[in-house]
């Protein structure tokens, strides 16, 4: 039975662009630069076969995002303990009825420079995304392989209400996939997404809570709904503190009834 927790990077990655599956709100307004620090540190004691995780401690990881004159993301830099490990650039272009967007590794320490992820968005006459092909490119091998498809998009009153997502294996064969349904509040804001595995019927629910200003303040992932694991469903609760523009500047996880800092952002506006 296939586990439903696939491709979670699509939920959080700022590299993901116009795909059907909505990502969390990332950046609003006239932004120039964002610096994000991650917390939760793995400390290695004297014994080689053990380690201690320190929640709330700065991990050493820092992510720097730079934006162009239109406040679109143009580059990202990942560093650890002030040493740059990976640099990415973002490119966008339009070909016919397709918007093509790339996340490209410009430099890293593991020989992946030139590798990329491509998002091929098919657009209808109303400007709506109807299908997305996800490609991964290997610069060294000069290959480009399809690994995921989002399709069968259904819109109602201008809002996306459902679509299907399929993983694609190395032979180019799609799996049975999952059906995603989106639910909105009276202000047409997404408040819940349900992902159901087409083969097993297992479901994951993603819930969005907004503060009085309409900014995201709570995000909940309820995994494998209806399948108890050791007496309860695995649920992840994430909380945000936003600035006056609606961009989150602090991110917390709820663990043992405690709010643990997970990330902080410093945002420079133009």
Protein backbone atom coordinates (compact mmCIF):
# COMPACT_ATOMS: atom_id res chain seq x y z
CA UNK A 1 0.00 0.00 0.00
CA UNK A 2 1.55 3.26 -1.14
CA UNK A 3 2.05 5.90 1.51
CA UNK A 4 0.33 9.16 0.69
CA UNK A 5 3.11 11.38 1.95
CA UNK A 6 4.76 12.06 -1.42
CA UNK A 7 6.65 15.10 -2.63
CA UNK A 8 6.29 17.17 0.51
CA UNK A 9 8.84 19.60 -0.87
CA UNK A 10 6.01 20.91 -3.04
CA UNK A 11 4.26 22.09 0.06
CA UNK A 12 7.09 24.20 1.37
CA UNK A 13 9.66 24.85 -1.30
CA UNK A 14 9.98 28.41 -2.53
CA UNK A 15 11.41 26.90 -5.67
CA UNK A 16 8.00 25.61 -6.63
CA UNK A 17 6.23 28.12 -8.85
CA UNK A 18 2.81 28.00 -10.50
CA UNK A 19 1.93 24.36 -9.96
CA UNK A 20 -1.66 23.37 -9.34
CA UNK A 21 -1.00 22.22 -5.80
CA UNK A 22 -0.97 25.47 -3.79
CA UNK A 23 2.13 26.20 -1.80
CA UNK A 24 2.13 28.13 1.43
CA UNK A 25 2.19 31.91 1.01
CA UNK A 26 5.83 32.85 0.71
CA UNK A 27 6.55 36.44 -0.19
CA UNK A 28 4.27 39.46 -0.60
CA UNK A 29 5.08 43.05 -1.41
CA UNK A 30 8.06 44.88 -2.82
CA UNK A 31 10.85 42.67 -1.49
CA UNK A 32 14.57 42.95 -2.10
CA UNK A 33 16.13 40.32 0.17
CA UNK A 34 15.11 37.66 2.69
CA UNK A 35 17.46 35.96 5.14
CA UNK A 36 16.11 32.86 6.85
CA UNK A 37 17.75 31.01 9.74
CA UNK A 38 16.71 27.49 10.77
CA UNK A 39 16.57 26.21 14.33
CA UNK A 40 16.84 22.75 15.86
CA UNK A 41 20.42 21.64 16.27
CA UNK A 42 21.89 18.15 16.13
CA UNK A 43 24.73 17.94 18.65
CA UNK A 44 27.19 15.06 18.66
CA UNK A 45 28.39 14.07 22.15
CA UNK A 46 31.58 12.19 22.90
CA UNK A 47 30.10 8.81 21.96
CA UNK A 48 30.21 8.28 18.21
CA UNK A 49 27.06 6.17 18.11
CA UNK A 50 24.72 8.78 19.59
CA UNK A 51 23.55 12.35 19.09
CA UNK A 52 21.30 14.82 20.85
CA UNK A 53 18.73 17.04 19.12
CA UNK A 54 18.42 20.49 20.66
CA UNK A 55 15.12 22.12 19.66
CA UNK A 56 15.15 25.89 19.48
CA UNK A 57 18.93 26.10 19.05
CA UNK A 58 20.32 27.73 15.90
CA UNK A 59 21.26 24.90 13.55
CA UNK A 60 23.86 26.81 11.55
CA UNK A 61 21.71 26.69 8.39
CA UNK A 62 20.93 29.98 6.66
CA UNK A 63 19.03 30.65 3.42
CA UNK A 64 19.34 33.92 1.52
CA UNK A 65 16.77 34.87 -1.16
CA UNK A 66 17.33 37.72 -3.62
CA UNK A 67 14.61 39.29 -5.78
CA UNK A 68 14.60 41.19 -9.08
CA UNK A 69 13.12 44.63 -9.78
CA UNK A 70 9.65 43.06 -10.06
CA UNK A 71 10.04 41.37 -6.65
CA UNK A 72 10.25 37.94 -8.28
CA UNK A 73 12.66 35.43 -6.78
CA UNK A 74 15.89 35.38 -8.83
CA UNK A 75 18.38 33.49 -6.66
CA UNK A 76 18.83 31.53 -3.45
CA UNK A 77 21.90 30.70 -1.42
CA UNK A 78 22.11 27.86 1.13
CA UNK A 79 24.88 28.11 3.71
CA UNK A 80 25.93 26.21 6.81
CA UNK A 81 28.01 27.84 9.51
CA UNK A 82 28.64 30.80 7.19
CA UNK A 83 29.96 28.57 4.40
CA UNK A 84 27.97 28.68 1.15
CA UNK A 85 27.10 25.14 0.05
CA UNK A 86 24.62 25.63 -2.81
CA UNK A 87 23.51 28.47 -5.05
CA UNK A 88 20.32 28.44 -7.15
CA UNK A 89 18.95 30.72 -9.84
CA UNK A 90 15.35 30.97 -11.08
CA UNK A 91 14.34 31.49 -14.69
CA UNK A 92 10.94 31.97 -16.35
CA UNK A 93 9.82 32.10 -19.98
CA UNK A 94 6.67 31.56 -22.04
CA UNK A 95 6.41 29.23 -25.05
CA UNK A 96 3.00 29.13 -26.72
CA UNK A 97 0.44 27.99 -24.15
CA UNK A 98 3.11 27.00 -21.63
CA UNK A 99 4.84 28.89 -18.84
CA UNK A 100 8.24 27.29 -18.26
CA UNK A 101 10.02 27.87 -14.96
CA UNK A 102 13.35 26.51 -13.77
CA UNK A 103 15.21 26.15 -10.50
CA UNK A 104 18.86 25.69 -11.48
CA UNK A 105 21.81 24.71 -9.31
CA UNK A 106 24.52 27.21 -10.19
CA UNK A 107 27.10 25.96 -7.70
CA UNK A 108 27.43 23.27 -5.06
CA UNK A 109 30.07 21.06 -3.47
CA UNK A 110 28.78 17.73 -4.79
CA UNK A 111 29.09 18.09 -8.55
CA UNK A 112 25.45 19.00 -9.27
CA UNK A 113 26.08 22.37 -10.91
CA UNK A 114 23.77 22.76 -13.90
CA UNK A 115 21.16 20.29 -12.61
CA UNK A 116 17.64 21.70 -12.53
CA UNK A 117 13.97 21.18 -11.77
CA UNK A 118 11.57 22.36 -14.49
CA UNK A 119 7.91 23.26 -14.03
CA UNK A 120 6.01 23.13 -17.32
CA UNK A 121 2.67 24.87 -16.77
CA UNK A 122 0.00 24.51 -19.46
CA UNK A 123 -2.30 27.58 -19.57
CA UNK A 124 -5.80 27.79 -21.09
CA UNK A 125 -7.38 30.81 -22.82
CA UNK A 126 -8.61 32.11 -19.44
CA UNK A 127 -5.08 32.09 -18.03
CA UNK A 128 -5.71 29.08 -15.78
CA UNK A 129 -3.25 26.27 -15.22
CA UNK A 130 -4.71 23.04 -16.58
CA UNK A 131 -1.73 20.69 -16.32
CA UNK A 132 1.81 20.71 -14.94
CA UNK A 133 4.71 18.50 -15.93
CA UNK A 134 7.60 18.25 -13.48
CA UNK A 135 11.00 17.50 -14.98
CA UNK A 136 14.40 16.91 -13.42
CA UNK A 137 17.53 17.61 -15.42
CA UNK A 138 21.01 16.15 -14.99
CA UNK A 139 23.61 18.43 -16.52
CA UNK A 140 26.43 15.90 -16.47
CA UNK A 141 24.40 13.16 -18.18
CA UNK A 142 22.53 15.64 -20.39
CA UNK A 143 19.18 14.07 -19.42
CA UNK A 144 15.73 15.50 -18.70
CA UNK A 145 13.24 13.12 -17.06
CA UNK A 146 9.57 13.54 -16.19
CA UNK A 147 8.89 12.61 -12.56
CA UNK A 148 5.45 14.03 -11.75
CA UNK A 149 2.27 15.22 -13.48
CA UNK A 150 -0.65 17.28 -12.16
CA UNK A 151 -3.68 17.09 -14.42
CA UNK A 152 -7.50 16.87 -14.70
CA UNK A 153 -7.88 20.36 -13.22
CA UNK A 154 -11.46 21.38 -12.45
CA UNK A 155 -12.42 25.03 -11.90
CA UNK A 156 -15.68 26.40 -10.51
CA UNK A 157 -16.53 30.10 -10.44
CA UNK A 158 -12.92 30.89 -11.24
CA UNK A 159 -11.48 28.77 -8.41
CA UNK A 160 -9.52 25.54 -8.71
CA UNK A 161 -11.51 22.88 -6.84
CA UNK A 162 -9.80 19.60 -7.77
CA UNK A 163 -7.07 17.89 -9.78
CA UNK A 164 -5.08 14.64 -9.77
CA UNK A 165 -1.39 14.16 -9.16
CA UNK A 166 0.66 11.23 -10.45
CA UNK A 167 4.25 10.18 -9.86
CA UNK A 168 6.05 8.97 -12.98
CA UNK A 169 8.64 6.17 -12.82
CA UNK A 170 11.88 5.94 -14.80
CA UNK A 171 10.06 4.05 -17.58
CA UNK A 172 7.64 6.95 -18.01
CA UNK A 173 4.67 5.11 -16.46
CA UNK A 174 2.29 7.01 -14.17
CA UNK A 175 1.09 5.53 -10.88
CA UNK A 176 -2.59 5.53 -9.88
CA UNK A 177 -2.01 8.86 -8.18
CA UNK A 178 -3.97 10.92 -5.70
CA UNK A 179 -6.96 13.22 -6.01
CA UNK A 180 -6.67 16.67 -4.47
CA UNK A 181 -9.73 18.73 -3.53
CA UNK A 182 -9.59 22.37 -2.42
CA UNK A 183 -12.02 24.16 -0.09
CA UNK A 184 -12.44 27.94 0.33
CA UNK A 185 -13.92 30.35 2.85
CA UNK A 186 -16.42 33.12 2.06
CA UNK A 187 -13.55 35.40 1.00
CA UNK A 188 -12.37 32.81 -1.57
CA UNK A 189 -9.26 31.93 0.45
CA UNK A 190 -8.08 28.33 0.65
CA UNK A 191 -8.78 26.89 4.09
CA UNK A 192 -8.44 23.16 3.49
CA UNK A 193 -6.97 20.72 1.00
CA UNK A 194 -7.75 17.01 0.99
CA UNK A 195 -5.41 14.56 -0.73
CA UNK A 196 -6.78 11.05 -1.25
CA UNK A 197 -4.75 8.16 -2.60
CA UNK A 198 -6.77 6.76 -5.52
CA UNK A 199 -5.63 3.19 -4.93
CA UNK A 200 -5.85 2.92 -1.13
CA UNK A 201 -8.34 5.71 -0.26
CA UNK A 202 -5.99 6.91 2.48
CA UNK A 203 -6.35 10.63 3.00
CA UNK A 204 -4.22 13.54 4.14
CA UNK A 205 -5.83 16.81 5.22
CA UNK A 206 -4.06 20.15 5.13
CA UNK A 207 -5.74 23.03 6.95
CA UNK A 208 -4.96 26.75 6.79
CA UNK A 209 -5.98 29.19 9.55
CA UNK A 210 -5.84 32.93 8.94
CA UNK A 211 -5.59 35.78 11.42
CA UNK A 212 -8.00 38.78 11.36
CA UNK A 213 -5.79 40.48 8.75
CA UNK A 214 -6.11 37.48 6.43
CA UNK A 215 -2.52 36.37 6.99
CA UNK A 216 -1.57 32.75 7.60
CA UNK A 217 -1.07 31.96 11.29
CA UNK A 218 -1.57 28.19 11.55
CA UNK A 219 -0.96 25.32 9.15
CA UNK A 220 -1.89 21.75 10.06
CA UNK A 221 -1.03 18.51 8.25
CA UNK A 222 -3.14 15.55 9.33
CA UNK A 223 -1.45 12.52 7.78
CA UNK A 224 -3.16 9.23 6.93
CA UNK A 225 -6.59 10.23 8.21
CA UNK A 226 -8.57 7.22 9.40
CA UNK A 227 -5.51 5.05 9.94
CA UNK A 228 -4.58 5.17 13.65
CA UNK A 229 -0.87 4.97 14.37
CA UNK A 230 -0.11 3.90 17.96
CA UNK A 231 -3.48 5.25 19.05
CA UNK A 232 -3.53 8.55 17.17
CA UNK A 233 -3.04 10.03 13.73
CA UNK A 234 0.31 11.65 12.95
CA UNK A 235 -0.42 15.37 12.85
CA UNK A 236 1.98 18.24 12.37
CA UNK A 237 1.00 21.72 13.55
CA UNK A 238 2.93 24.74 12.32
CA UNK A 239 2.35 28.32 13.52
CA UNK A 240 3.49 31.58 11.99
CA UNK A 241 4.05 35.16 13.06
CA UNK A 242 3.68 37.60 10.13
CA UNK A 243 4.84 41.16 9.60
CA UNK A 244 2.55 44.00 8.45
CA UNK A 245 2.91 42.88 4.82
CA UNK A 246 1.67 39.37 5.57
CA UNK A 247 5.06 37.71 5.19
CA UNK A 248 5.94 35.29 7.94
CA UNK A 249 8.98 36.21 10.02
CA UNK A 250 8.81 33.44 12.63
CA UNK A 251 7.78 29.82 12.23
CA UNK A 252 7.01 27.46 15.12
CA UNK A 253 6.13 23.80 15.49
CA UNK A 254 3.95 22.46 18.27
CA UNK A 255 5.62 19.64 20.20
CA UNK A 256 4.50 18.30 23.60
CA UNK A 257 2.17 21.29 23.96
CA UNK A 258 5.12 23.67 23.53
CA UNK A 259 5.78 26.14 20.73
CA UNK A 260 9.27 25.48 19.40
CA UNK A 261 10.94 27.99 17.10
CA UNK A 262 11.80 26.42 13.74
CA UNK A 263 12.80 29.37 11.57
CA UNK A 264 13.22 33.14 11.61
CA UNK A 265 13.26 35.52 8.66
CA UNK A 266 14.65 39.01 8.21
CA UNK A 267 12.94 40.72 5.26
CA UNK A 268 14.30 43.79 3.45
CA UNK A 269 11.74 45.76 1.44
CA UNK A 270 12.55 48.18 -1.38
